[in-house]
Amino acid sequence: MPFGLTNASTTFQSLMNDIVVGMLRRSVLVFFDDILVYNATWKDHLCHLEVVLSILKKHELFARFSKCCFGVTHIDYLGHALSGSSIAMDNAKLEAVQAWPQPKNLKQLRGGLRLHRLL
C-alpha cells in the first residue's frame, strides 16, 4: 500500500482485522503489516499458519518471504522479546534505556519518566 495515502495504514489494519477475525487474539496478532501466528503445539501452529496464508492468498495479499520467520520459538515483536515462556523488553530497547544519562534537573527527570511510561 503506498505510503502517501493518509488513511492507508488504518484501512489496511481494518482489512486485516476483518479477514482474520475468528483467529484474532486466539492464535493470531496483527499490528499493521506485522502478523504473528502463535500456538502451544507445533501441529496447531502449522494448521493455523496454513489458514492465515490461505486467507492472505484469497484476498490477494502477499507476504515477503525475506521478512518472514517460520517455526521459531523466540521472536522480537513490536519492541518485545517473545518466547513460549516469557515476554521481555527487546534487548536493543533495554540497552538504550540503560545508556540514558542521569537527569540533572527536574525537567530532565520528568521527561525521562514520561518516556518510561511508554515502554
N, C-alpha and C. Protein backbone atom coordinates (compact mmCIF):
# COMPACT_ATOMS: atom_id res chain seq x y z
N MET A 1 0.85 -1.17 0.00
CA MET A 1 0.00 0.00 0.00
C MET A 1 0.91 1.24 0.00
N PRO A 2 0.67 2.21 -0.86
CA PRO A 2 1.52 3.39 -0.95
C PRO A 2 1.54 4.17 0.36
N PHE A 3 2.72 4.73 0.69
CA PHE A 3 2.86 5.49 1.93
C PHE A 3 2.18 6.84 1.87
N GLY A 4 1.95 7.37 0.70
CA GLY A 4 1.39 8.71 0.56
C GLY A 4 -0.07 8.84 0.94
N LEU A 5 -0.80 7.75 0.97
CA LEU A 5 -2.22 7.82 1.28
C LEU A 5 -2.43 8.04 2.77
N THR A 6 -3.27 8.99 3.12
CA THR A 6 -3.45 9.38 4.51
C THR A 6 -3.99 8.27 5.38
N ASN A 7 -5.02 7.59 4.94
CA ASN A 7 -5.66 6.56 5.76
C ASN A 7 -5.25 5.15 5.37
N ALA A 8 -4.15 5.00 4.66
CA ALA A 8 -3.74 3.68 4.18
C ALA A 8 -3.51 2.70 5.32
N SER A 9 -2.79 3.12 6.35
CA SER A 9 -2.50 2.20 7.44
C SER A 9 -3.75 1.81 8.21
N THR A 10 -4.66 2.76 8.42
CA THR A 10 -5.92 2.47 9.11
C THR A 10 -6.77 1.51 8.29
N THR A 11 -6.83 1.75 7.00
CA THR A 11 -7.61 0.89 6.11
C THR A 11 -7.04 -0.53 6.09
N PHE A 12 -5.72 -0.62 6.01
CA PHE A 12 -5.08 -1.94 5.98
C PHE A 12 -5.29 -2.67 7.31
N GLN A 13 -5.14 -1.98 8.42
CA GLN A 13 -5.36 -2.60 9.74
C GLN A 13 -6.79 -3.11 9.85
N SER A 14 -7.74 -2.32 9.40
CA SER A 14 -9.14 -2.72 9.44
C SER A 14 -9.38 -3.96 8.57
N LEU A 15 -8.78 -3.98 7.38
CA LEU A 15 -8.90 -5.13 6.49
C LEU A 15 -8.33 -6.38 7.16
N MET A 16 -7.15 -6.26 7.74
CA MET A 16 -6.52 -7.42 8.39
C MET A 16 -7.37 -7.92 9.54
N ASN A 17 -7.90 -7.00 10.34
CA ASN A 17 -8.76 -7.41 11.46
C ASN A 17 -10.01 -8.12 10.96
N ASP A 18 -10.55 -7.67 9.85
CA ASP A 18 -11.76 -8.29 9.29
C ASP A 18 -11.51 -9.69 8.74
N ILE A 19 -10.38 -9.88 8.07
CA ILE A 19 -10.18 -11.16 7.39
C ILE A 19 -9.68 -12.26 8.32
N VAL A 20 -9.08 -11.90 9.45
CA VAL A 20 -8.64 -12.94 10.41
C VAL A 20 -9.43 -12.86 11.72
N VAL A 21 -10.62 -12.30 11.65
CA VAL A 21 -11.41 -12.02 12.85
C VAL A 21 -11.59 -13.23 13.76
N GLY A 22 -11.81 -14.41 13.22
CA GLY A 22 -12.02 -15.59 14.05
C GLY A 22 -10.77 -16.07 14.77
N MET A 23 -9.60 -15.61 14.32
CA MET A 23 -8.34 -16.07 14.91
C MET A 23 -7.66 -15.02 15.79
N LEU A 24 -8.16 -13.79 15.73
CA LEU A 24 -7.51 -12.71 16.48
C LEU A 24 -7.46 -13.01 17.97
N ARG A 25 -6.28 -12.81 18.53
CA ARG A 25 -6.00 -13.00 19.95
C ARG A 25 -6.23 -14.43 20.44
N ARG A 26 -6.45 -15.35 19.53
CA ARG A 26 -6.51 -16.77 19.87
C ARG A 26 -5.27 -17.48 19.36
N SER A 27 -4.88 -17.12 18.14
CA SER A 27 -3.66 -17.68 17.56
C SER A 27 -2.98 -16.70 16.61
N VAL A 28 -3.57 -15.50 16.46
CA VAL A 28 -3.02 -14.50 15.53
C VAL A 28 -3.07 -13.11 16.17
N LEU A 29 -1.98 -12.37 16.03
CA LEU A 29 -1.94 -10.95 16.37
C LEU A 29 -1.59 -10.19 15.10
N VAL A 30 -2.25 -9.08 14.87
CA VAL A 30 -1.98 -8.26 13.69
C VAL A 30 -1.75 -6.83 14.15
N PHE A 31 -0.62 -6.26 13.76
CA PHE A 31 -0.34 -4.85 14.00
C PHE A 31 0.18 -4.28 12.69
N PHE A 32 -0.69 -3.58 11.98
CA PHE A 32 -0.42 -3.08 10.63
C PHE A 32 0.03 -4.23 9.74
N ASP A 33 1.29 -4.23 9.29
CA ASP A 33 1.71 -5.29 8.39
C ASP A 33 2.49 -6.39 9.10
N ASP A 34 2.47 -6.40 10.42
CA ASP A 34 3.10 -7.47 11.19
C ASP A 34 2.04 -8.47 11.62
N ILE A 35 2.18 -9.69 11.17
CA ILE A 35 1.24 -10.75 11.52
C ILE A 35 2.01 -11.79 12.33
N LEU A 36 1.53 -12.07 13.52
CA LEU A 36 2.16 -13.06 14.39
C LEU A 36 1.18 -14.22 14.58
N VAL A 37 1.61 -15.41 14.19
CA VAL A 37 0.82 -16.62 14.39
C VAL A 37 1.50 -17.39 15.52
N TYR A 38 0.75 -17.68 16.58
CA TYR A 38 1.33 -18.35 17.75
C TYR A 38 0.42 -19.48 18.22
N ASN A 39 1.02 -20.52 18.75
CA ASN A 39 0.28 -21.67 19.23
C ASN A 39 1.08 -22.41 20.29
N ALA A 40 0.40 -23.24 21.05
CA ALA A 40 1.04 -24.04 22.09
C ALA A 40 1.72 -25.28 21.51
N THR A 41 1.19 -25.81 20.41
CA THR A 41 1.77 -27.02 19.82
C THR A 41 2.19 -26.77 18.38
N TRP A 42 3.14 -27.56 17.93
CA TRP A 42 3.64 -27.45 16.57
C TRP A 42 2.53 -27.78 15.57
N LYS A 43 1.74 -28.80 15.87
CA LYS A 43 0.65 -29.22 14.99
C LYS A 43 -0.36 -28.09 14.81
N ASP A 44 -0.78 -27.46 15.91
CA ASP A 44 -1.71 -26.33 15.83
C ASP A 44 -1.10 -25.16 15.07
N HIS A 45 0.19 -24.94 15.29
CA HIS A 45 0.87 -23.83 14.62
C HIS A 45 0.83 -24.02 13.11
N LEU A 46 1.17 -25.20 12.65
CA LEU A 46 1.16 -25.46 11.21
C LEU A 46 -0.24 -25.31 10.63
N CYS A 47 -1.23 -25.78 11.36
CA CYS A 47 -2.62 -25.67 10.91
C CYS A 47 -3.05 -24.20 10.79
N HIS A 48 -2.78 -23.41 11.83
CA HIS A 48 -3.18 -22.01 11.82
C HIS A 48 -2.36 -21.19 10.82
N LEU A 49 -1.10 -21.54 10.66
CA LEU A 49 -0.27 -20.86 9.67
C LEU A 49 -0.82 -21.09 8.26
N GLU A 50 -1.23 -22.31 7.98
CA GLU A 50 -1.82 -22.63 6.68
C GLU A 50 -3.11 -21.83 6.46
N VAL A 51 -3.92 -21.71 7.50
CA VAL A 51 -5.17 -20.94 7.39
C VAL A 51 -4.87 -19.48 7.10
N VAL A 52 -3.92 -18.89 7.84
CA VAL A 52 -3.57 -17.48 7.64
C VAL A 52 -3.03 -17.25 6.23
N LEU A 53 -2.14 -18.11 5.77
CA LEU A 53 -1.59 -17.95 4.42
C LEU A 53 -2.68 -18.12 3.36
N SER A 54 -3.62 -19.01 3.59
CA SER A 54 -4.75 -19.18 2.66
C SER A 54 -5.63 -17.93 2.63
N ILE A 55 -5.85 -17.34 3.79
CA ILE A 55 -6.65 -16.11 3.86
C ILE A 55 -5.96 -14.98 3.10
N LEU A 56 -4.66 -14.85 3.29
CA LEU A 56 -3.91 -13.81 2.57
C LEU A 56 -4.01 -14.03 1.06
N LYS A 57 -3.85 -15.28 0.64
CA LYS A 57 -3.93 -15.59 -0.79
C LYS A 57 -5.33 -15.29 -1.33
N LYS A 58 -6.35 -15.67 -0.59
CA LYS A 58 -7.74 -15.44 -1.01
C LYS A 58 -8.01 -13.95 -1.24
N HIS A 59 -7.42 -13.10 -0.41
CA HIS A 59 -7.64 -11.66 -0.50
C HIS A 59 -6.55 -10.96 -1.32
N GLU A 60 -5.75 -11.76 -2.03
CA GLU A 60 -4.69 -11.26 -2.90
C GLU A 60 -3.71 -10.36 -2.16
N LEU A 61 -3.37 -10.78 -0.94
CA LEU A 61 -2.35 -10.12 -0.14
C LEU A 61 -1.11 -11.01 -0.13
N PHE A 62 0.05 -10.39 -0.03
CA PHE A 62 1.28 -11.14 -0.16
C PHE A 62 2.19 -10.90 1.04
N ALA A 63 2.93 -11.92 1.40
CA ALA A 63 3.95 -11.81 2.45
C ALA A 63 5.31 -11.95 1.79
N ARG A 64 6.19 -11.03 2.07
CA ARG A 64 7.54 -11.10 1.50
C ARG A 64 8.34 -12.13 2.30
N PHE A 65 8.78 -13.18 1.64
CA PHE A 65 9.45 -14.29 2.31
C PHE A 65 10.66 -13.82 3.11
N SER A 66 11.40 -12.85 2.60
CA SER A 66 12.61 -12.38 3.29
C SER A 66 12.29 -11.71 4.62
N LYS A 67 11.04 -11.30 4.83
CA LYS A 67 10.65 -10.66 6.09
C LYS A 67 9.90 -11.61 7.01
N CYS A 68 9.80 -12.87 6.63
CA CYS A 68 9.04 -13.85 7.42
C CYS A 68 9.97 -14.72 8.27
N CYS A 69 9.47 -15.12 9.41
CA CYS A 69 10.14 -16.10 10.28
C CYS A 69 9.12 -17.19 10.57
N PHE A 70 9.45 -18.42 10.23
CA PHE A 70 8.51 -19.52 10.42
C PHE A 70 9.04 -20.50 11.46
N GLY A 71 8.18 -20.95 12.34
CA GLY A 71 8.51 -22.01 13.28
C GLY A 71 9.56 -21.67 14.31
N VAL A 72 9.66 -20.42 14.70
CA VAL A 72 10.65 -20.02 15.70
C VAL A 72 10.05 -20.08 17.10
N THR A 73 10.90 -20.27 18.10
CA THR A 73 10.43 -20.31 19.48
C THR A 73 10.69 -19.00 20.20
N HIS A 74 11.41 -18.08 19.55
CA HIS A 74 11.71 -16.77 20.13
C HIS A 74 11.66 -15.75 19.00
N ILE A 75 11.03 -14.60 19.25
CA ILE A 75 10.94 -13.57 18.21
C ILE A 75 10.85 -12.19 18.86
N ASP A 76 11.44 -11.20 18.21
CA ASP A 76 11.29 -9.81 18.63
C ASP A 76 10.09 -9.26 17.88
N TYR A 77 9.08 -8.79 18.63
CA TYR A 77 7.83 -8.33 18.03
C TYR A 77 7.39 -7.06 18.73
N LEU A 78 7.33 -5.97 17.99
CA LEU A 78 6.86 -4.67 18.50
C LEU A 78 7.61 -4.24 19.76
N GLY A 79 8.93 -4.40 19.74
CA GLY A 79 9.74 -3.93 20.85
C GLY A 79 9.80 -4.87 22.04
N HIS A 80 9.29 -6.08 21.88
CA HIS A 80 9.32 -7.07 22.96
C HIS A 80 9.95 -8.36 22.45
N ALA A 81 10.63 -9.05 23.34
CA ALA A 81 11.19 -10.36 23.02
C ALA A 81 10.21 -11.41 23.52
N LEU A 82 9.61 -12.15 22.60
CA LEU A 82 8.59 -13.14 22.95
C LEU A 82 9.15 -14.55 22.80
N SER A 83 8.82 -15.39 23.78
CA SER A 83 9.15 -16.81 23.68
C SER A 83 7.95 -17.58 24.21
N GLY A 84 8.04 -18.88 24.19
CA GLY A 84 6.95 -19.69 24.67
C GLY A 84 6.68 -19.53 26.15
N SER A 85 7.67 -19.05 26.89
CA SER A 85 7.52 -18.96 28.34
C SER A 85 7.60 -17.55 28.91
N SER A 86 7.95 -16.56 28.08
CA SER A 86 8.12 -15.22 28.65
C SER A 86 7.90 -14.11 27.62
N ILE A 87 7.68 -12.92 28.16
CA ILE A 87 7.63 -11.68 27.39
C ILE A 87 8.58 -10.72 28.08
N ALA A 88 9.53 -10.21 27.35
CA ALA A 88 10.52 -9.30 27.93
C ALA A 88 10.74 -8.12 26.99
N MET A 89 11.37 -7.09 27.52
CA MET A 89 11.71 -5.94 26.69
C MET A 89 12.80 -6.36 25.70
N ASP A 90 12.70 -5.88 24.48
CA ASP A 90 13.70 -6.14 23.46
C ASP A 90 15.06 -5.67 23.97
N ASN A 91 16.12 -6.45 23.73
CA ASN A 91 17.45 -6.12 24.23
C ASN A 91 17.94 -4.76 23.75
N ALA A 92 17.67 -4.41 22.50
CA ALA A 92 18.10 -3.11 21.97
C ALA A 92 17.44 -1.97 22.75
N LYS A 93 16.17 -2.13 23.07
CA LYS A 93 15.45 -1.11 23.84
C LYS A 93 16.01 -1.03 25.26
N LEU A 94 16.29 -2.19 25.85
CA LEU A 94 16.84 -2.23 27.20
C LEU A 94 18.20 -1.54 27.26
N GLU A 95 19.05 -1.80 26.28
CA GLU A 95 20.37 -1.17 26.23
C GLU A 95 20.24 0.34 26.06
N ALA A 96 19.29 0.80 25.26
CA ALA A 96 19.08 2.23 25.07
C ALA A 96 18.64 2.89 26.38
N VAL A 97 17.77 2.24 27.13
CA VAL A 97 17.32 2.78 28.41
C VAL A 97 18.48 2.84 29.40
N GLN A 98 19.29 1.79 29.43
CA GLN A 98 20.43 1.76 30.35
C GLN A 98 21.48 2.81 30.00
N ALA A 99 21.55 3.21 28.73
CA ALA A 99 22.54 4.19 28.29
C ALA A 99 22.09 5.63 28.50
N TRP A 100 20.82 5.85 28.88
CA TRP A 100 20.36 7.21 29.11
C TRP A 100 21.16 7.86 30.23
N PRO A 101 21.53 9.12 30.05
CA PRO A 101 22.26 9.81 31.12
C PRO A 101 21.34 10.11 32.30
N GLN A 102 21.96 10.23 33.47
CA GLN A 102 21.17 10.59 34.65
C GLN A 102 20.65 12.02 34.50
N PRO A 103 19.40 12.25 34.89
CA PRO A 103 18.85 13.61 34.79
C PRO A 103 19.58 14.56 35.75
N LYS A 104 19.77 15.78 35.28
CA LYS A 104 20.49 16.77 36.09
C LYS A 104 19.56 17.81 36.69
N ASN A 105 18.31 17.82 36.25
CA ASN A 105 17.36 18.77 36.81
C ASN A 105 15.95 18.16 36.75
N LEU A 106 14.98 18.87 37.30
CA LEU A 106 13.62 18.37 37.38
C LEU A 106 12.99 18.18 35.99
N LYS A 107 13.29 19.08 35.07
CA LYS A 107 12.72 18.98 33.72
C LYS A 107 13.20 17.70 33.03
N GLN A 108 14.48 17.39 33.13
CA GLN A 108 15.02 16.17 32.54
C GLN A 108 14.45 14.92 33.21
N LEU A 109 14.26 14.98 34.52
CA LEU A 109 13.68 13.86 35.25
C LEU A 109 12.26 13.59 34.77
N ARG A 110 11.46 14.64 34.65
CA ARG A 110 10.08 14.48 34.18
C ARG A 110 10.04 13.91 32.76
N GLY A 111 10.93 14.40 31.90
CA GLY A 111 11.00 13.89 30.53
C GLY A 111 11.33 12.40 30.51
N GLY A 112 12.28 11.99 31.33
CA GLY A 112 12.64 10.58 31.42
C GLY A 112 11.51 9.72 31.94
N LEU A 113 10.78 10.23 32.93
CA LEU A 113 9.65 9.48 33.48
C LEU A 113 8.54 9.32 32.46
N ARG A 114 8.32 10.34 31.65
CA ARG A 114 7.31 10.24 30.59
C ARG A 114 7.69 9.15 29.58
N LEU A 115 8.97 9.11 29.23
CA LEU A 115 9.43 8.08 28.30
C LEU A 115 9.27 6.68 28.88
N HIS A 116 9.54 6.53 30.16
CA HIS A 116 9.42 5.22 30.80
C HIS A 116 7.99 4.71 30.77
N ARG A 117 7.03 5.61 30.84
CA ARG A 117 5.63 5.18 30.77
C ARG A 117 5.30 4.58 29.41
N LEU A 118 6.00 5.01 28.37
CA LEU A 118 5.75 4.49 27.02
C LEU A 118 6.33 3.09 26.83
N LEU A 119 7.29 2.74 27.65
CA LEU A 119 7.92 1.43 27.49
C LEU A 119 6.99 0.38 28.01
